[in-house]
Amino acid sequence: MGKSDPEASKRERNKTIKWVVTVFFATILISGTISLVSDEVMANSSLAVAFFILLVIVLLGIVFDIVGMAVASADEKPFHSMAARKVPGAQEAIRLLRNAERVSSICNDVVGDICGVVSGSASATIATLILSNADVAWPRGVSLVMSALVAGLTVGGKAVGKTFAVNSCTRIVHMVGRAIFTVKRLGAKKKK
């Protein structure tokens, strides 16, 4: 049995620390920006628009949770066959799967948790809008109902999404790979 390389171990540890610090600051920046924008838009919107924004935030969290779960569950083999046939998005899918830990972390933890926090903030903003436009006998009940509604939609949506992600992981990863391929292609065309 060979000894582990201390330099490789040190490089891996430094890489992990750099990743954690990057994710930490990116999360602060993204969360702050999304919270600020959604709060500003919601505060100056009708109740219907505020509910729509809240649903979009919750759905975004669910979609990214599905992608993170699919990447963590998928097998790389089918994508090698697709890449050999030059199927668009196959190479990108392989790259996603080879970085499954980071992709899953970004999708589930960064985006998913940000959407959870922002949706909680958005539900509080909606509760404030409701209370400012209506005389409610139990004001705290509005806040409780909004919190429960958001929690139910988020948890229920993610539960359904996880089942879908595990059962359709190859198809989902390929769709994401195709989306990345398309964005890259459009970026290359703009450069020309």
N, C-alpha and C. Protein backbone atom coordinates (compact mmCIF):
# COMPACT_ATOMS: atom_id res chain seq x y z
N MET A 1 0.83 -1.17 0.00
CA MET A 1 0.00 0.00 0.00
C MET A 1 0.88 1.24 0.00
N GLY A 2 0.66 2.15 -0.94
CA GLY A 2 1.50 3.34 -1.04
C GLY A 2 1.03 4.43 -0.10
N LYS A 3 2.00 5.28 0.25
CA LYS A 3 1.66 6.41 1.12
C LYS A 3 0.93 7.47 0.31
N SER A 4 0.06 8.22 0.99
CA SER A 4 -0.63 9.29 0.29
C SER A 4 0.32 10.46 0.11
N ASP A 5 0.16 11.15 -0.98
CA ASP A 5 1.01 12.28 -1.32
C ASP A 5 0.60 13.49 -0.48
N PRO A 6 1.49 13.98 0.41
CA PRO A 6 1.11 15.12 1.25
C PRO A 6 0.86 16.39 0.44
N GLU A 7 1.57 16.58 -0.65
CA GLU A 7 1.37 17.76 -1.50
C GLU A 7 -0.01 17.71 -2.18
N ALA A 8 -0.39 16.53 -2.65
CA ALA A 8 -1.70 16.38 -3.29
C ALA A 8 -2.81 16.62 -2.26
N SER A 9 -2.60 16.13 -1.05
CA SER A 9 -3.57 16.32 0.02
C SER A 9 -3.71 17.81 0.37
N LYS A 10 -2.58 18.50 0.41
CA LYS A 10 -2.58 19.94 0.71
C LYS A 10 -3.28 20.72 -0.41
N ARG A 11 -2.99 20.35 -1.68
CA ARG A 11 -3.65 21.02 -2.81
C ARG A 11 -5.16 20.81 -2.77
N GLU A 12 -5.56 19.59 -2.45
CA GLU A 12 -6.99 19.27 -2.37
C GLU A 12 -7.67 20.06 -1.25
N ARG A 13 -6.99 20.16 -0.11
CA ARG A 13 -7.53 20.91 1.02
C ARG A 13 -7.66 22.40 0.65
N ASN A 14 -6.62 22.95 0.01
CA ASN A 14 -6.67 24.35 -0.41
C ASN A 14 -7.78 24.59 -1.43
N LYS A 15 -7.95 23.63 -2.34
CA LYS A 15 -9.00 23.73 -3.35
C LYS A 15 -10.38 23.74 -2.67
N THR A 16 -10.54 22.90 -1.66
CA THR A 16 -11.81 22.83 -0.92
C THR A 16 -12.07 24.13 -0.17
N ILE A 17 -11.04 24.66 0.48
CA ILE A 17 -11.19 25.92 1.22
C ILE A 17 -11.57 27.04 0.27
N LYS A 18 -10.89 27.10 -0.88
CA LYS A 18 -11.19 28.14 -1.87
C LYS A 18 -12.64 28.01 -2.35
N TRP A 19 -13.10 26.77 -2.58
CA TRP A 19 -14.46 26.53 -3.03
C TRP A 19 -15.47 27.00 -1.98
N VAL A 20 -15.23 26.68 -0.70
CA VAL A 20 -16.14 27.06 0.37
C VAL A 20 -16.22 28.58 0.50
N VAL A 21 -15.07 29.25 0.43
CA VAL A 21 -15.04 30.71 0.53
C VAL A 21 -15.78 31.34 -0.66
N THR A 22 -15.54 30.81 -1.86
CA THR A 22 -16.22 31.31 -3.05
C THR A 22 -17.73 31.15 -2.93
N VAL A 23 -18.18 29.97 -2.52
CA VAL A 23 -19.61 29.72 -2.37
C VAL A 23 -20.21 30.64 -1.30
N PHE A 24 -19.48 30.84 -0.22
CA PHE A 24 -19.95 31.71 0.86
C PHE A 24 -20.22 33.13 0.35
N PHE A 25 -19.22 33.71 -0.31
CA PHE A 25 -19.38 35.09 -0.77
C PHE A 25 -20.37 35.20 -1.94
N ALA A 26 -20.38 34.20 -2.81
CA ALA A 26 -21.35 34.21 -3.92
C ALA A 26 -22.78 34.14 -3.37
N THR A 27 -22.98 33.33 -2.35
CA THR A 27 -24.31 33.20 -1.74
C THR A 27 -24.75 34.51 -1.12
N ILE A 28 -23.85 35.17 -0.42
CA ILE A 28 -24.19 36.47 0.18
C ILE A 28 -24.58 37.47 -0.91
N LEU A 29 -23.77 37.53 -1.96
CA LEU A 29 -24.02 38.49 -3.05
C LEU A 29 -25.34 38.19 -3.77
N ILE A 30 -25.53 36.94 -4.16
CA ILE A 30 -26.73 36.55 -4.90
C ILE A 30 -27.98 36.72 -4.03
N SER A 31 -27.92 36.24 -2.80
CA SER A 31 -29.07 36.33 -1.90
C SER A 31 -29.45 37.78 -1.63
N GLY A 32 -28.47 38.61 -1.35
CA GLY A 32 -28.74 40.02 -1.10
C GLY A 32 -29.37 40.70 -2.29
N THR A 33 -28.82 40.41 -3.48
CA THR A 33 -29.34 41.04 -4.70
C THR A 33 -30.77 40.59 -4.98
N ILE A 34 -31.02 39.29 -4.92
CA ILE A 34 -32.37 38.78 -5.20
C ILE A 34 -33.36 39.29 -4.16
N SER A 35 -32.97 39.31 -2.89
CA SER A 35 -33.86 39.81 -1.84
C SER A 35 -34.21 41.27 -2.06
N LEU A 36 -33.20 42.07 -2.36
CA LEU A 36 -33.41 43.50 -2.58
C LEU A 36 -34.34 43.75 -3.76
N VAL A 37 -34.05 43.09 -4.88
CA VAL A 37 -34.86 43.28 -6.09
C VAL A 37 -36.29 42.79 -5.87
N SER A 38 -36.45 41.60 -5.31
CA SER A 38 -37.80 41.06 -5.13
C SER A 38 -38.59 41.89 -4.12
N ASP A 39 -37.95 42.34 -3.04
CA ASP A 39 -38.66 43.17 -2.06
C ASP A 39 -39.09 44.49 -2.67
N GLU A 40 -38.20 45.11 -3.45
CA GLU A 40 -38.54 46.39 -4.08
C GLU A 40 -39.68 46.24 -5.09
N VAL A 41 -39.59 45.21 -5.91
CA VAL A 41 -40.63 44.98 -6.92
C VAL A 41 -41.95 44.63 -6.24
N MET A 42 -41.90 43.77 -5.24
CA MET A 42 -43.12 43.32 -4.57
C MET A 42 -43.79 44.46 -3.79
N ALA A 43 -42.99 45.30 -3.16
CA ALA A 43 -43.55 46.39 -2.36
C ALA A 43 -44.31 47.40 -3.24
N ASN A 44 -43.92 47.49 -4.50
CA ASN A 44 -44.55 48.44 -5.42
C ASN A 44 -45.49 47.75 -6.41
N SER A 45 -45.90 46.53 -6.11
CA SER A 45 -46.74 45.76 -7.03
C SER A 45 -48.10 45.48 -6.41
N SER A 46 -48.97 44.99 -7.26
CA SER A 46 -50.28 44.54 -6.77
C SER A 46 -50.09 43.21 -6.06
N LEU A 47 -51.09 42.79 -5.35
CA LEU A 47 -51.04 41.52 -4.63
C LEU A 47 -50.86 40.35 -5.59
N ALA A 48 -51.53 40.40 -6.74
CA ALA A 48 -51.43 39.32 -7.73
C ALA A 48 -50.00 39.20 -8.26
N VAL A 49 -49.37 40.34 -8.55
CA VAL A 49 -47.98 40.32 -9.05
C VAL A 49 -47.05 39.81 -7.96
N ALA A 50 -47.28 40.22 -6.72
CA ALA A 50 -46.44 39.76 -5.60
C ALA A 50 -46.54 38.24 -5.42
N PHE A 51 -47.77 37.69 -5.53
CA PHE A 51 -47.94 36.24 -5.44
C PHE A 51 -47.24 35.54 -6.61
N PHE A 52 -47.33 36.12 -7.79
CA PHE A 52 -46.66 35.54 -8.96
C PHE A 52 -45.15 35.49 -8.74
N ILE A 53 -44.56 36.58 -8.24
CA ILE A 53 -43.12 36.62 -7.98
C ILE A 53 -42.75 35.56 -6.94
N LEU A 54 -43.57 35.43 -5.91
CA LEU A 54 -43.33 34.40 -4.88
C LEU A 54 -43.34 33.01 -5.49
N LEU A 55 -44.32 32.73 -6.34
CA LEU A 55 -44.39 31.41 -6.99
C LEU A 55 -43.18 31.15 -7.88
N VAL A 56 -42.72 32.18 -8.59
CA VAL A 56 -41.53 32.04 -9.44
C VAL A 56 -40.31 31.69 -8.59
N ILE A 57 -40.17 32.35 -7.45
CA ILE A 57 -39.03 32.08 -6.56
C ILE A 57 -39.09 30.64 -6.05
N VAL A 58 -40.27 30.21 -5.61
CA VAL A 58 -40.43 28.84 -5.11
C VAL A 58 -40.16 27.83 -6.23
N LEU A 59 -40.70 28.07 -7.42
CA LEU A 59 -40.48 27.16 -8.56
C LEU A 59 -39.01 27.10 -8.96
N LEU A 60 -38.32 28.23 -8.90
CA LEU A 60 -36.89 28.27 -9.21
C LEU A 60 -36.12 27.36 -8.25
N GLY A 61 -36.46 27.44 -6.97
CA GLY A 61 -35.82 26.56 -5.98
C GLY A 61 -36.08 25.09 -6.26
N ILE A 62 -37.32 24.78 -6.65
CA ILE A 62 -37.69 23.39 -6.94
C ILE A 62 -36.96 22.89 -8.18
N VAL A 63 -36.91 23.71 -9.23
CA VAL A 63 -36.23 23.30 -10.48
C VAL A 63 -34.74 23.05 -10.23
N PHE A 64 -34.09 23.94 -9.50
CA PHE A 64 -32.67 23.73 -9.22
C PHE A 64 -32.45 22.53 -8.32
N ASP A 65 -33.37 22.25 -7.42
CA ASP A 65 -33.28 21.05 -6.58
C ASP A 65 -33.37 19.80 -7.45
N ILE A 66 -34.26 19.83 -8.44
CA ILE A 66 -34.40 18.70 -9.37
C ILE A 66 -33.09 18.49 -10.14
N VAL A 67 -32.53 19.58 -10.64
CA VAL A 67 -31.27 19.48 -11.41
C VAL A 67 -30.16 18.92 -10.52
N GLY A 68 -30.03 19.44 -9.30
CA GLY A 68 -28.98 18.97 -8.39
C GLY A 68 -29.13 17.49 -8.08
N MET A 69 -30.36 17.05 -7.85
CA MET A 69 -30.61 15.64 -7.56
C MET A 69 -30.34 14.76 -8.78
N ALA A 70 -30.73 15.23 -9.95
CA ALA A 70 -30.51 14.47 -11.18
C ALA A 70 -29.01 14.30 -11.45
N VAL A 71 -28.26 15.35 -11.27
CA VAL A 71 -26.81 15.28 -11.50
C VAL A 71 -26.16 14.32 -10.50
N ALA A 72 -26.64 14.34 -9.26
CA ALA A 72 -26.10 13.43 -8.25
C ALA A 72 -26.48 11.97 -8.52
N SER A 73 -27.59 11.75 -9.23
CA SER A 73 -28.11 10.39 -9.45
C SER A 73 -27.71 9.77 -10.79
N ALA A 74 -27.38 10.58 -11.77
CA ALA A 74 -27.19 10.09 -13.15
C ALA A 74 -25.87 9.33 -13.32
N ASP A 75 -25.88 8.48 -14.33
CA ASP A 75 -24.69 7.70 -14.71
C ASP A 75 -24.06 8.34 -15.94
N GLU A 76 -22.76 8.34 -15.98
CA GLU A 76 -22.03 9.00 -17.07
C GLU A 76 -22.05 8.20 -18.38
N LYS A 77 -22.21 6.88 -18.31
CA LYS A 77 -22.07 6.02 -19.48
C LYS A 77 -22.92 6.42 -20.69
N PRO A 78 -24.21 6.68 -20.53
CA PRO A 78 -25.01 7.01 -21.73
C PRO A 78 -24.51 8.26 -22.45
N PHE A 79 -23.90 9.16 -21.71
CA PHE A 79 -23.43 10.41 -22.31
C PHE A 79 -22.16 10.22 -23.13
N HIS A 80 -21.38 9.18 -22.82
CA HIS A 80 -20.21 8.88 -23.65
C HIS A 80 -20.65 8.41 -25.02
N SER A 81 -21.69 7.61 -25.06
CA SER A 81 -22.26 7.16 -26.33
C SER A 81 -22.79 8.35 -27.12
N MET A 82 -23.50 9.25 -26.44
CA MET A 82 -24.03 10.44 -27.10
C MET A 82 -22.90 11.34 -27.60
N ALA A 83 -21.86 11.49 -26.80
CA ALA A 83 -20.73 12.34 -27.20
C ALA A 83 -20.02 11.76 -28.42
N ALA A 84 -19.94 10.44 -28.49
CA ALA A 84 -19.31 9.79 -29.65
C ALA A 84 -20.12 10.07 -30.91
N ARG A 85 -21.43 10.21 -30.75
CA ARG A 85 -22.30 10.52 -31.90
C ARG A 85 -22.47 12.03 -32.09
N LYS A 86 -21.73 12.80 -31.31
CA LYS A 86 -21.74 14.27 -31.37
C LYS A 86 -23.13 14.86 -31.11
N VAL A 87 -23.83 14.27 -30.15
CA VAL A 87 -25.14 14.79 -29.76
C VAL A 87 -24.92 16.08 -28.98
N PRO A 88 -25.58 17.17 -29.38
CA PRO A 88 -25.41 18.44 -28.66
C PRO A 88 -25.75 18.30 -27.18
N GLY A 89 -24.87 18.83 -26.34
CA GLY A 89 -25.09 18.81 -24.90
C GLY A 89 -24.48 17.62 -24.18
N ALA A 90 -24.03 16.61 -24.92
CA ALA A 90 -23.48 15.41 -24.27
C ALA A 90 -22.17 15.72 -23.54
N GLN A 91 -21.29 16.47 -24.18
CA GLN A 91 -20.01 16.83 -23.53
C GLN A 91 -20.27 17.66 -22.27
N GLU A 92 -21.22 18.58 -22.37
CA GLU A 92 -21.55 19.43 -21.22
C GLU A 92 -22.15 18.58 -20.09
N ALA A 93 -22.95 17.59 -20.44
CA ALA A 93 -23.53 16.69 -19.44
C ALA A 93 -22.44 15.89 -18.74
N ILE A 94 -21.45 15.42 -19.49
CA ILE A 94 -20.33 14.70 -18.89
C ILE A 94 -19.59 15.60 -17.91
N ARG A 95 -19.38 16.85 -18.31
CA ARG A 95 -18.69 17.80 -17.43
C ARG A 95 -19.50 18.02 -16.14
N LEU A 96 -20.81 18.13 -16.28
CA LEU A 96 -21.68 18.28 -15.10
C LEU A 96 -21.53 17.08 -14.16
N LEU A 97 -21.56 15.88 -14.74
CA LEU A 97 -21.49 14.66 -13.93
C LEU A 97 -20.12 14.48 -13.28
N ARG A 98 -19.08 14.89 -13.96
CA ARG A 98 -17.74 14.79 -13.36
C ARG A 98 -17.53 15.80 -12.24
N ASN A 99 -18.38 16.81 -12.21
CA ASN A 99 -18.34 17.80 -11.13
C ASN A 99 -19.64 17.75 -10.33
N ALA A 100 -20.19 16.55 -10.18
CA ALA A 100 -21.51 16.37 -9.56
C ALA A 100 -21.57 16.96 -8.15
N GLU A 101 -20.52 16.82 -7.38
CA GLU A 101 -20.53 17.33 -6.01
C GLU A 101 -20.73 18.85 -6.00
N ARG A 102 -20.00 19.54 -6.86
CA ARG A 102 -20.10 21.00 -6.91
C ARG A 102 -21.42 21.45 -7.55
N VAL A 103 -21.81 20.77 -8.61
CA VAL A 103 -23.07 21.13 -9.28
C VAL A 103 -24.24 20.94 -8.31
N SER A 104 -24.23 19.83 -7.62
CA SER A 104 -25.29 19.55 -6.65
C SER A 104 -25.27 20.57 -5.52
N SER A 105 -24.08 20.94 -5.07
CA SER A 105 -23.95 21.94 -4.02
C SER A 105 -24.51 23.28 -4.46
N ILE A 106 -24.17 23.69 -5.69
CA ILE A 106 -24.67 24.97 -6.21
C ILE A 106 -26.19 24.93 -6.37
N CYS A 107 -26.68 23.86 -6.99
CA CYS A 107 -28.12 23.77 -7.27
C CYS A 107 -28.95 23.61 -5.99
N ASN A 108 -28.56 22.66 -5.15
CA ASN A 108 -29.36 22.36 -3.97
C ASN A 108 -29.11 23.32 -2.82
N ASP A 109 -27.84 23.58 -2.57
CA ASP A 109 -27.52 24.39 -1.40
C ASP A 109 -27.55 25.88 -1.70
N VAL A 110 -26.81 26.32 -2.68
CA VAL A 110 -26.74 27.76 -2.95
C VAL A 110 -28.08 28.28 -3.46
N VAL A 111 -28.49 27.83 -4.64
CA VAL A 111 -29.72 28.36 -5.24
C VAL A 111 -30.94 27.93 -4.43
N GLY A 112 -31.00 26.67 -4.03
CA GLY A 112 -32.15 26.17 -3.27
C GLY A 112 -32.33 26.91 -1.96
N ASP A 113 -31.25 27.07 -1.21
CA ASP A 113 -31.36 27.76 0.07
C ASP A 113 -31.64 29.24 -0.11
N ILE A 114 -31.04 29.85 -1.12
CA ILE A 114 -31.34 31.26 -1.39
C ILE A 114 -32.82 31.43 -1.69
N CYS A 115 -33.36 30.56 -2.54
CA CYS A 115 -34.78 30.65 -2.87
C CYS A 115 -35.65 30.44 -1.63
N GLY A 116 -35.22 29.57 -0.73
CA GLY A 116 -35.95 29.35 0.52
C GLY A 116 -35.98 30.61 1.38
N VAL A 117 -34.82 31.24 1.53
CA VAL A 117 -34.74 32.45 2.33
C VAL A 117 -35.53 33.59 1.69
N VAL A 118 -35.33 33.76 0.38
CA VAL A 118 -36.01 34.86 -0.33
C VAL A 118 -37.52 34.63 -0.35
N SER A 119 -37.96 33.39 -0.51
CA SER A 119 -39.41 33.14 -0.50
C SER A 119 -40.01 33.43 0.87
N GLY A 120 -39.25 33.18 1.93
CA GLY A 120 -39.72 33.53 3.27
C GLY A 120 -39.86 35.03 3.42
N SER A 121 -38.87 35.75 2.93
CA SER A 121 -38.92 37.21 2.95
C SER A 121 -40.08 37.73 2.09
N ALA A 122 -40.27 37.11 0.93
CA ALA A 122 -41.35 37.52 0.03
C ALA A 122 -42.71 37.25 0.66
N SER A 123 -42.84 36.15 1.39
CA SER A 123 -44.12 35.86 2.04
C SER A 123 -44.41 36.90 3.12
N ALA A 124 -43.38 37.38 3.80
CA ALA A 124 -43.56 38.43 4.81
C ALA A 124 -44.00 39.74 4.13
N THR A 125 -43.42 40.03 2.96
CA THR A 125 -43.81 41.23 2.22
C THR A 125 -45.27 41.14 1.77
N ILE A 126 -45.68 39.96 1.31
CA ILE A 126 -47.07 39.77 0.90
C ILE A 126 -48.00 39.91 2.09
N ALA A 127 -47.61 39.36 3.23
CA ALA A 127 -48.43 39.49 4.44
C ALA A 127 -48.61 40.97 4.79
N THR A 128 -47.54 41.74 4.67
CA THR A 128 -47.61 43.19 4.93
C THR A 128 -48.54 43.87 3.94
N LEU A 129 -48.46 43.48 2.66
CA LEU A 129 -49.36 44.04 1.64
C LEU A 129 -50.82 43.74 1.97
N ILE A 130 -51.08 42.51 2.36
CA ILE A 130 -52.45 42.11 2.70
C ILE A 130 -52.95 42.92 3.89
N LEU A 131 -52.12 43.05 4.91
CA LEU A 131 -52.53 43.77 6.12
C LEU A 131 -52.72 45.26 5.88
N SER A 132 -51.96 45.81 4.92
CA SER A 132 -52.12 47.24 4.64
C SER A 132 -53.35 47.53 3.78
N ASN A 133 -53.88 46.51 3.10
CA ASN A 133 -55.04 46.70 2.23
C ASN A 133 -56.34 46.15 2.79
N ALA A 134 -56.27 45.43 3.91
CA ALA A 134 -57.48 44.81 4.45
C ALA A 134 -57.45 44.86 5.97
N ASP A 135 -58.63 44.94 6.55
CA ASP A 135 -58.75 44.90 8.00
C ASP A 135 -58.94 43.43 8.39
N VAL A 136 -57.95 42.88 9.04
CA VAL A 136 -57.96 41.46 9.39
C VAL A 136 -58.09 41.34 10.91
N ALA A 137 -58.97 40.46 11.36
CA ALA A 137 -59.22 40.28 12.79
C ALA A 137 -57.98 39.75 13.52
N TRP A 138 -57.26 38.85 12.89
CA TRP A 138 -56.08 38.25 13.52
C TRP A 138 -54.88 38.46 12.59
N PRO A 139 -54.20 39.61 12.69
CA PRO A 139 -53.10 39.94 11.77
C PRO A 139 -51.98 38.89 11.73
N ARG A 140 -51.69 38.32 12.87
CA ARG A 140 -50.62 37.31 12.91
C ARG A 140 -50.99 36.07 12.09
N GLY A 141 -52.28 35.81 11.96
CA GLY A 141 -52.75 34.66 11.17
C GLY A 141 -52.35 34.77 9.71
N VAL A 142 -52.33 35.99 9.17
CA VAL A 142 -51.93 36.21 7.77
C VAL A 142 -50.49 35.76 7.58
N SER A 143 -49.63 36.18 8.50
CA SER A 143 -48.22 35.81 8.43
C SER A 143 -48.04 34.29 8.56
N LEU A 144 -48.77 33.69 9.49
CA LEU A 144 -48.69 32.23 9.68
C LEU A 144 -49.15 31.47 8.45
N VAL A 145 -50.27 31.92 7.87
CA VAL A 145 -50.79 31.25 6.67
C VAL A 145 -49.80 31.38 5.52
N MET A 146 -49.22 32.56 5.35
CA MET A 146 -48.25 32.76 4.26
C MET A 146 -47.03 31.86 4.46
N SER A 147 -46.51 31.81 5.69
CA SER A 147 -45.33 30.97 5.97
C SER A 147 -45.64 29.50 5.72
N ALA A 148 -46.81 29.07 6.19
CA ALA A 148 -47.20 27.66 6.00
C ALA A 148 -47.40 27.34 4.52
N LEU A 149 -47.99 28.26 3.79
CA LEU A 149 -48.22 28.06 2.36
C LEU A 149 -46.90 27.92 1.61
N VAL A 150 -45.96 28.82 1.89
CA VAL A 150 -44.65 28.76 1.22
C VAL A 150 -43.92 27.49 1.60
N ALA A 151 -43.93 27.12 2.87
CA ALA A 151 -43.26 25.89 3.30
C ALA A 151 -43.89 24.67 2.63
N GLY A 152 -45.22 24.62 2.58
CA GLY A 152 -45.90 23.49 1.95
C GLY A 152 -45.58 23.38 0.47
N LEU A 153 -45.62 24.52 -0.24
CA LEU A 153 -45.30 24.51 -1.67
C LEU A 153 -43.85 24.07 -1.91
N THR A 154 -42.95 24.59 -1.11
CA THR A 154 -41.53 24.28 -1.29
C THR A 154 -41.25 22.81 -0.99
N VAL A 155 -41.66 22.35 0.17
CA VAL A 155 -41.37 20.97 0.57
C VAL A 155 -42.11 19.98 -0.33
N GLY A 156 -43.38 20.24 -0.59
CA GLY A 156 -44.14 19.35 -1.47
C GLY A 156 -43.58 19.32 -2.88
N GLY A 157 -43.24 20.50 -3.41
CA GLY A 157 -42.66 20.57 -4.75
C GLY A 157 -41.33 19.85 -4.85
N LYS A 158 -40.50 20.00 -3.82
CA LYS A 158 -39.19 19.33 -3.82
C LYS A 158 -39.34 17.82 -3.67
N ALA A 159 -40.33 17.37 -2.90
CA ALA A 159 -40.56 15.93 -2.75
C ALA A 159 -40.96 15.31 -4.08
N VAL A 160 -41.87 15.96 -4.79
CA VAL A 160 -42.28 15.47 -6.12
C VAL A 160 -41.09 15.56 -7.07
N GLY A 161 -40.37 16.67 -6.99
CA GLY A 161 -39.22 16.89 -7.87
C GLY A 161 -38.11 15.87 -7.69
N LYS A 162 -37.86 15.47 -6.46
CA LYS A 162 -36.79 14.48 -6.20
C LYS A 162 -37.14 13.14 -6.83
N THR A 163 -38.39 12.74 -6.71
CA THR A 163 -38.82 11.47 -7.32
C THR A 163 -38.64 11.55 -8.84
N PHE A 164 -39.08 12.66 -9.41
CA PHE A 164 -38.93 12.87 -10.86
C PHE A 164 -37.45 12.88 -11.25
N ALA A 165 -36.61 13.55 -10.44
CA ALA A 165 -35.18 13.67 -10.75
C ALA A 165 -34.49 12.31 -10.75
N VAL A 166 -34.81 11.48 -9.79
CA VAL A 166 -34.17 10.16 -9.69
C VAL A 166 -34.64 9.27 -10.85
N ASN A 167 -35.92 9.33 -11.18
CA ASN A 167 -36.46 8.47 -12.23
C ASN A 167 -36.12 8.95 -13.64
N SER A 168 -35.82 10.22 -13.80
CA SER A 168 -35.54 10.78 -15.14
C SER A 168 -34.20 11.49 -15.18
N CYS A 169 -33.24 11.03 -14.38
CA CYS A 169 -31.97 11.75 -14.23
C CYS A 169 -31.21 11.92 -15.54
N THR A 170 -31.17 10.91 -16.37
CA THR A 170 -30.42 11.01 -17.64
C THR A 170 -31.04 12.07 -18.54
N ARG A 171 -32.35 12.05 -18.64
CA ARG A 171 -33.04 13.02 -19.50
C ARG A 171 -32.85 14.46 -18.97
N ILE A 172 -32.94 14.62 -17.65
CA ILE A 172 -32.79 15.95 -17.06
C ILE A 172 -31.37 16.47 -17.26
N VAL A 173 -30.38 15.64 -17.00
CA VAL A 173 -28.98 16.07 -17.17
C VAL A 173 -28.71 16.41 -18.63
N HIS A 174 -29.28 15.63 -19.53
CA HIS A 174 -29.10 15.94 -20.95
C HIS A 174 -29.75 17.27 -21.32
N MET A 175 -30.94 17.53 -20.78
CA MET A 175 -31.60 18.81 -21.05
C MET A 175 -30.75 19.98 -20.55
N VAL A 176 -30.18 19.84 -19.36
CA VAL A 176 -29.32 20.89 -18.82
C VAL A 176 -28.06 21.03 -19.67
N GLY A 177 -27.49 19.90 -20.08
CA GLY A 177 -26.32 19.92 -20.96
C GLY A 177 -26.62 20.62 -22.28
N ARG A 178 -27.79 20.34 -22.84
CA ARG A 178 -28.20 21.02 -24.09
C ARG A 178 -28.38 22.51 -23.88
N ALA A 179 -28.93 22.89 -22.73
CA ALA A 179 -29.12 24.32 -22.43
C ALA A 179 -27.75 25.01 -22.34
N ILE A 180 -26.80 24.37 -21.68
CA ILE A 180 -25.45 24.94 -21.57
C ILE A 180 -24.81 25.03 -22.95
N PHE A 181 -24.98 23.97 -23.76
CA PHE A 181 -24.45 23.95 -25.12
C PHE A 181 -25.02 25.11 -25.93
N THR A 182 -26.33 25.33 -25.82
CA THR A 182 -26.99 26.41 -26.57
C THR A 182 -26.47 27.77 -26.13
N VAL A 183 -26.35 27.98 -24.83
CA VAL A 183 -25.84 29.26 -24.31
C VAL A 183 -24.41 29.49 -24.79
N LYS A 184 -23.59 28.45 -24.76
CA LYS A 184 -22.20 28.58 -25.25
C LYS A 184 -22.17 28.94 -26.73
N ARG A 185 -23.03 28.29 -27.48
CA ARG A 185 -23.09 28.53 -28.92
C ARG A 185 -23.53 29.95 -29.22
N LEU A 186 -24.53 30.43 -28.50
CA LEU A 186 -24.99 31.81 -28.69
C LEU A 186 -23.89 32.80 -28.28
N GLY A 187 -23.16 32.48 -27.23
CA GLY A 187 -22.05 33.34 -26.81
C GLY A 187 -20.95 33.38 -27.85
N ALA A 188 -20.68 32.22 -28.47
CA ALA A 188 -19.64 32.17 -29.53
C ALA A 188 -20.07 32.97 -30.75
N LYS A 189 -21.38 32.92 -31.09
CA LYS A 189 -21.88 33.67 -32.25
C LYS A 189 -21.79 35.17 -32.00
N LYS A 190 -22.05 35.60 -30.75
CA LYS A 190 -21.98 37.02 -30.44
C LYS A 190 -20.56 37.54 -30.56
N LYS A 191 -19.58 36.71 -30.22
CA LYS A 191 -18.18 37.12 -30.30
C LYS A 191 -17.72 37.34 -31.72
N LYS A 192 -18.36 36.61 -32.68
CA LYS A 192 -17.95 36.72 -34.08
C LYS A 192 -18.43 37.95 -34.67
